[in-house]
C-alpha atoms as a PDB file:
ATOM      1  CA  MET A   1     204.550  96.801  71.125  1.00  0.00           C
ATOM      2  CA  GLY A   2     203.523  95.392  67.767  1.00  0.00           C
ATOM      3  CA  CYS A   3     201.194  96.727  65.245  1.00  0.00           C
ATOM      4  CA  GLY A   4     198.576  94.146  65.968  1.00  0.00           C
ATOM      5  CA  ASN A   5     198.374  95.140  69.612  1.00  0.00           C
ATOM      6  CA  LEU A   6     198.054  98.826  68.855  1.00  0.00           C
ATOM      7  CA  ALA A   7     195.201  98.183  66.425  1.00  0.00           C
ATOM      8  CA  GLY A   8     193.366  96.057  69.025  1.00  0.00           C
ATOM      9  CA  GLU A   9     193.693  98.929  71.568  1.00  0.00           C
ATOM     10  CA  ARG A  10     192.188 101.369  69.075  1.00  0.00           C
ATOM     11  CA  ALA A  11     189.288  99.071  68.165  1.00  0.00           C
ATOM     12  CA  ALA A  12     188.576  98.517  71.920  1.00  0.00           C
ATOM     13  CA  HIS A  13     188.711 102.220  72.598  1.00  0.00           C
ATOM     14  CA  CYS A  14     186.390 102.893  69.498  1.00  0.00           C
ATOM     15  CA  LYS A  15     183.995 100.258  70.716  1.00  0.00           C
ATOM     16  CA  CYS A  16     183.952 101.743  74.191  1.00  0.00           C
ATOM     17  CA  SER A  17     183.331 105.310  72.827  1.00  0.00           C
ATOM     18  CA  GLU A  18     180.524 103.949  70.673  1.00  0.00           C
ATOM     19  CA  GLU A  19     178.922 102.219  73.670  1.00  0.00           C
ATOM     20  CA  ILE A  20     179.139 105.371  75.829  1.00  0.00           C
ATOM     21  CA  ALA A  21     177.701 107.540  72.955  1.00  0.00           C
ATOM     22  CA  LYS A  22     174.827 105.088  72.519  1.00  0.00           C
ATOM     23  CA  ASP A  23     174.006 105.021  76.272  1.00  0.00           C
ATOM     24  CA  TYR A  24     174.124 108.869  76.489  1.00  0.00           C
ATOM     25  CA  PHE A  25     171.859 109.167  73.459  1.00  0.00           C
ATOM     26  CA  ILE A  26     169.255 106.770  74.943  1.00  0.00           C
ATOM     27  CA  ALA A  27     169.482 108.411  78.356  1.00  0.00           C
ATOM     28  CA  SER A  28     168.972 111.879  76.782  1.00  0.00           C
ATOM     29  CA  LEU A  29     165.659 111.070  75.244  1.00  0.00           C
ATOM     30  CA  GLY A  30     163.751 112.250  78.385  1.00  0.00           C
ATOM     31  CA  ASP A  31     161.145 109.658  78.076  1.00  0.00           C
ATOM     32  CA  ARG A  32     161.546 106.572  80.313  1.00  0.00           C
ATOM     33  CA  ASP A  33     159.148 104.353  78.352  1.00  0.00           C
ATOM     34  CA  LEU A  34     160.870 105.161  75.095  1.00  0.00           C
ATOM     35  CA  GLU A  35     164.188 104.628  76.664  1.00  0.00           C
ATOM     36  CA  LEU A  36     163.195 101.199  77.933  1.00  0.00           C
ATOM     37  CA  LYS A  37     161.722 100.219  74.613  1.00  0.00           C
ATOM     38  CA  ILE A  38     164.982 101.023  72.827  1.00  0.00           C
ATOM     39  CA  ARG A  39     167.145  99.334  75.521  1.00  0.00           C
ATOM     40  CA  GLU A  40     164.975  96.336  75.308  1.00  0.00           C
ATOM     41  CA  ARG A  41     165.918  95.927  71.638  1.00  0.00           C
ATOM     42  CA  GLU A  42     169.653  95.979  72.590  1.00  0.00           C
ATOM     43  CA  PRO A  43     170.803  98.246  69.799  1.00  0.00           C
ATOM     44  CA  ARG A  44     174.443  97.332  68.742  1.00  0.00           C
ATOM     45  CA  ASP A  45     175.507 100.951  68.014  1.00  0.00           C
ATOM     46  CA  LEU A  46     174.413 104.583  68.194  1.00  0.00           C
ATOM     47  CA  GLU A  47     173.074 104.412  64.704  1.00  0.00           C
ATOM     48  CA  SER A  48     170.741 101.522  65.434  1.00  0.00           C
ATOM     49  CA  ALA A  49     169.609 103.251  68.675  1.00  0.00           C
ATOM     50  CA  PHE A  50     168.808 106.362  66.763  1.00  0.00           C
ATOM     51  CA  LYS A  51     166.857 104.435  64.024  1.00  0.00           C
ATOM     52  CA  ARG A  52     164.851 102.659  66.716  1.00  0.00           C
ATOM     53  CA  ASP A  53     164.024 105.983  68.355  1.00  0.00           C
ATOM     54  CA  VAL A  54     162.850 107.631  65.133  1.00  0.00           C
ATOM     55  CA  ARG A  55     160.745 104.576  64.406  1.00  0.00           C
ATOM     56  CA  LEU A  56     159.083 104.449  67.755  1.00  0.00           C
ATOM     57  CA  GLU A  57     158.504 108.150  67.805  1.00  0.00           C
ATOM     58  CA  ALA A  58     156.853 107.875  64.286  1.00  0.00           C
ATOM     59  CA  TYR A  59     154.624 104.960  65.551  1.00  0.00           C
ATOM     60  CA  ASP A  60     153.635 106.953  68.552  1.00  0.00           C
ATOM     61  CA  LYS A  61     152.798 110.062  66.490  1.00  0.00           C
ATOM     62  CA  ALA A  62     150.756 107.921  64.069  1.00  0.00           C
ATOM     63  CA  VAL A  63     148.718 106.470  66.996  1.00  0.00           C
ATOM     64  CA  VAL A  64     148.097 109.866  68.615  1.00  0.00           C
ATOM     65  CA  ASP A  65     147.138 111.399  65.200  1.00  0.00           C
ATOM     66  CA  ASP A  66     144.823 108.413  64.512  1.00  0.00           C
ATOM     67  CA  ASN A  67     143.188 108.653  67.936  1.00  0.00           C
ATOM     68  CA  ARG A  68     142.762 112.489  67.408  1.00  0.00           C
ATOM     69  CA  ASP A  69     141.079 111.836  64.085  1.00  0.00           C
ATOM     70  CA  GLN A  70     138.840 109.178  65.635  1.00  0.00           C
ATOM     71  CA  TYR A  71     137.813 111.550  68.365  1.00  0.00           C
ATOM     72  CA  LYS A  72     137.099 114.267  65.845  1.00  0.00           C
ATOM     73  CA  GLY A  73     134.965 111.832  63.937  1.00  0.00           C
ATOM     74  CA  LYS A  74     133.065 110.824  66.942  1.00  0.00           C
ATOM     75  CA  SER A  75     132.608 114.495  68.038  1.00  0.00           C
ATOM     76  CA  ASN A  76     131.138 115.248  64.511  1.00  0.00           C
ATOM     77  CA  ARG A  77     128.947 112.238  64.717  1.00  0.00           C
ATOM     78  CA  TYR A  78     127.645 113.199  68.154  1.00  0.00           C
ATOM     79  CA  ARG A  79     126.976 116.673  66.822  1.00  0.00           C
ATOM     80  CA  GLN A  80     124.998 115.154  63.832  1.00  0.00           C
ATOM     81  CA  ASP A  81     123.125 112.843  66.204  1.00  0.00           C
ATOM     82  CA  ASP A  82     122.256 115.841  68.421  1.00  0.00           C
ATOM     83  CA  GLY A  83     120.996 117.782  65.435  1.00  0.00           C
ATOM     84  CA  LEU A  84     118.951 114.730  64.390  1.00  0.00           C
ATOM     85  CA  SER A  85     117.605 114.407  67.936  1.00  0.00           C
ATOM     86  CA  ARG A  86     116.649 118.090  67.900  1.00  0.00           C
ATOM     87  CA  LYS A  87     114.819 117.675  64.573  1.00  0.00           C
ATOM     88  CA  VAL A  88     112.877 114.516  65.889  1.00  0.00           C
ATOM     89  CA  ALA A  89     111.877 116.390  68.992  1.00  0.00           C
ATOM     90  CA  GLN A  90     110.695 119.373  66.869  1.00  0.00           C
ATOM     91  CA  LEU A  91     108.646 117.097  64.651  1.00  0.00           C
ATOM     92  CA  GLU A  92     107.219 115.319  67.697  1.00  0.00           C
ATOM     93  CA  ARG A  93     106.122 118.689  69.092  1.00  0.00           C
ATOM     94  CA  LYS A  94     104.487 119.640  65.671  1.00  0.00           C
ATOM     95  CA  VAL A  95     102.658 116.252  65.578  1.00  0.00           C
ATOM     96  CA  GLU A  96     101.397 116.903  69.180  1.00  0.00           C
ATOM     97  CA  GLN A  97     100.374 120.352  68.287  1.00  0.00           C
ATOM     98  CA  VAL A  98      98.442 119.181  65.195  1.00  0.00           C
ATOM     99  CA  THR A  99      96.807 116.391  67.181  1.00  0.00           C
ATOM    100  CA  VAL A 100      95.641 118.916  69.818  1.00  0.00           C
ATOM    101  CA  GLU A 101      94.346 121.249  67.096  1.00  0.00           C
ATOM    102  CA  ARG A 102      92.500 118.388  65.459  1.00  0.00           C
ATOM    103  CA  LEU A 103      90.908 117.257  68.726  1.00  0.00           C
ATOM    104  CA  ALA A 104      89.873 120.961  69.432  1.00  0.00           C
ATOM    105  CA  ALA A 105      88.421 121.267  65.911  1.00  0.00           C
ATOM    106  CA  ARG A 106      86.429 117.950  66.399  1.00  0.00           C
ATOM    107  CA  SER A 107      85.166 119.086  69.731  1.00  0.00           C
ATOM    108  CA  ALA A 108      84.056 122.369  68.083  1.00  0.00           C
ATOM    109  CA  VAL A 109      82.221 120.528  65.345  1.00  0.00           C
ATOM    110  CA  THR A 110      80.515 118.236  67.941  1.00  0.00           C
ATOM    111  CA  SER A 111      79.329 121.136  70.049  1.00  0.00           C
ATOM    112  CA  VAL A 112      77.987 122.924  66.895  1.00  0.00           C
ATOM    113  CA  SER A 113      76.256 119.969  65.285  1.00  0.00           C
ATOM    114  CA  GLY A 114      75.366 118.072  68.349  1.00  0.00           C
ATOM    115  CA  ARG A 115      76.576 114.759  67.022  1.00  0.00           C
ATOM    116  CA  GLN A 116      80.033 112.881  66.846  1.00  0.00           C
ATOM    117  CA  PRO A 117      81.854 113.266  63.522  1.00  0.00           C
ATOM    118  CA  GLN A 118      82.940 110.068  61.767  1.00  0.00           C
ATOM    119  CA  SER A 119      86.474 109.092  62.474  1.00  0.00           C
ATOM    120  CA  THR A 120      88.771 109.533  59.566  1.00  0.00           C
ATOM    121  CA  VAL A 121      91.689 107.778  61.189  1.00  0.00           C
END
Protein backbone atom coordinates (compact mmCIF):
# COMPACT_ATOMS: atom_id res chain seq x y z
CA MET A 1 0.00 0.00 0.00
CA GLY A 2 1.52 3.30 -1.06
CA CYS A 3 1.08 6.73 0.47
CA GLY A 4 -0.90 7.94 -2.55
CA ASN A 5 -3.48 5.18 -2.13
CA LEU A 6 -3.94 5.91 1.59
CA ALA A 7 -4.48 9.61 0.93
CA GLY A 8 -7.10 8.74 -1.69
CA GLU A 9 -8.99 6.56 0.78
CA ARG A 10 -8.99 9.32 3.39
CA ALA A 11 -10.22 11.87 0.87
CA ALA A 12 -13.03 9.53 -0.21
CA HIS A 13 -13.97 8.86 3.43
CA CYS A 14 -13.93 12.58 4.18
CA LYS A 15 -16.06 13.33 1.13
CA CYS A 16 -18.53 10.60 2.10
CA SER A 17 -18.75 11.93 5.67
CA GLU A 18 -19.35 15.44 4.35
CA GLU A 19 -22.13 14.18 2.07
CA ILE A 20 -23.81 12.30 4.93
CA ALA A 21 -23.56 15.32 7.26
CA LYS A 22 -25.05 17.59 4.58
CA ASP A 23 -27.95 15.19 3.94
CA TYR A 24 -28.69 14.81 7.65
CA PHE A 25 -28.62 18.56 8.14
CA ILE A 26 -31.06 19.16 5.30
CA ALA A 27 -33.36 16.36 6.46
CA SER A 28 -33.34 17.73 10.03
CA LEU A 29 -34.78 21.11 9.03
CA GLY A 30 -38.32 19.84 9.57
CA ASP A 31 -39.73 21.88 6.69
CA ARG A 32 -40.31 19.95 3.48
CA ASP A 33 -40.52 23.06 1.29
CA LEU A 34 -37.30 24.46 2.71
CA GLU A 35 -35.61 21.07 2.32
CA LEU A 36 -36.62 20.89 -1.34
CA LYS A 37 -35.45 24.44 -2.03
CA ILE A 38 -32.04 23.68 -0.56
CA ARG A 39 -31.71 20.33 -2.33
CA GLU A 40 -32.75 22.00 -5.58
CA ARG A 41 -29.65 24.23 -5.33
CA GLU A 42 -27.46 21.12 -4.97
CA PRO A 43 -25.14 22.45 -2.26
CA ARG A 44 -21.66 20.98 -2.60
CA ASP A 45 -21.07 20.65 1.16
CA LEU A 46 -22.54 21.15 4.62
CA GLU A 47 -21.43 24.77 4.80
CA SER A 48 -23.12 25.78 1.54
CA ALA A 49 -26.32 23.96 2.62
CA PHE A 50 -26.24 25.84 5.93
CA LYS A 51 -25.70 29.20 4.20
CA ARG A 52 -28.59 28.50 1.83
CA ASP A 53 -30.84 27.60 4.79
CA VAL A 54 -29.97 30.80 6.63
CA ARG A 55 -30.60 32.88 3.51
CA LEU A 56 -33.97 31.23 2.76
CA GLU A 57 -35.14 31.58 6.37
CA ALA A 58 -34.16 35.25 6.33
CA TYR A 59 -36.12 35.80 3.11
CA ASP A 60 -39.11 33.99 4.57
CA LYS A 61 -39.01 36.06 7.75
CA ALA A 62 -38.70 39.28 5.76
CA VAL A 63 -41.75 38.39 3.68
CA VAL A 64 -43.79 37.39 6.74
CA ASP A 65 -42.82 40.60 8.57
CA ASP A 66 -43.58 42.69 5.48
CA ASN A 67 -47.00 41.07 5.10
CA ARG A 68 -47.71 41.62 8.80
CA ASP A 69 -46.77 45.30 8.45
CA GLN A 70 -48.96 45.66 5.38
CA TYR A 71 -51.85 44.03 7.23
CA LYS A 72 -51.37 46.38 10.16
CA GLY A 73 -51.32 49.31 7.77
CA LYS A 74 -54.54 48.18 6.14
CA SER A 75 -56.12 47.59 9.52
CA ASN A 76 -55.24 51.12 10.64
CA ARG A 77 -56.45 52.53 7.34
CA TYR A 78 -59.76 50.69 7.69
CA ARG A 79 -60.11 52.02 11.21
CA GLN A 80 -59.45 55.54 9.92
CA ASP A 81 -61.96 55.01 7.11
CA ASP A 82 -64.47 53.69 9.63
CA GLY A 83 -63.96 56.80 11.77
CA LEU A 84 -64.37 58.99 8.71
CA SER A 85 -67.54 57.13 7.72
CA ARG A 86 -68.97 57.63 11.20
CA LYS A 87 -68.14 61.34 11.08
CA VAL A 88 -69.80 61.72 7.65
CA ALA A 89 -72.90 59.88 8.89
CA GLN A 90 -73.01 62.12 11.97
CA LEU A 91 -72.78 65.26 9.80
CA GLU A 92 -75.49 63.94 7.49
CA ARG A 93 -77.80 63.44 10.49
CA LYS A 94 -77.10 66.99 11.66
CA VAL A 95 -77.84 68.39 8.19
CA GLU A 96 -81.09 66.40 8.11
CA GLN A 97 -81.99 67.67 11.57
CA VAL A 98 -81.30 71.29 10.62
CA THR A 99 -83.32 70.85 7.41
CA VAL A 100 -86.28 69.46 9.36
CA GLU A 101 -86.04 72.27 11.92
CA ARG A 102 -85.85 74.85 9.14
CA LEU A 103 -88.92 73.43 7.41
CA ALA A 104 -90.77 73.39 10.74
CA ALA A 105 -89.82 77.03 11.36
CA ARG A 106 -90.91 77.96 7.84
CA SER A 107 -94.26 76.22 8.40
CA ALA A 108 -94.69 78.07 11.69
CA VAL A 109 -94.03 81.42 10.00
CA THR A 110 -96.49 80.55 7.21
CA SER A 111 -99.23 79.64 9.63
CA VAL A 112 -98.70 82.82 11.70
CA SER A 113 -98.45 85.27 8.81
CA GLY A 114 -100.72 83.48 6.39
CA ARG A 115 -98.30 83.84 3.48
CA GLN A 116 -95.33 81.89 2.10
CA PRO A 117 -91.92 83.25 3.11
CA GLN A 118 -89.38 84.08 0.38
CA SER A 119 -86.99 81.29 -0.36
CA THR A 120 -83.45 82.10 0.74
CA VAL A 121 -81.90 79.05 -0.81
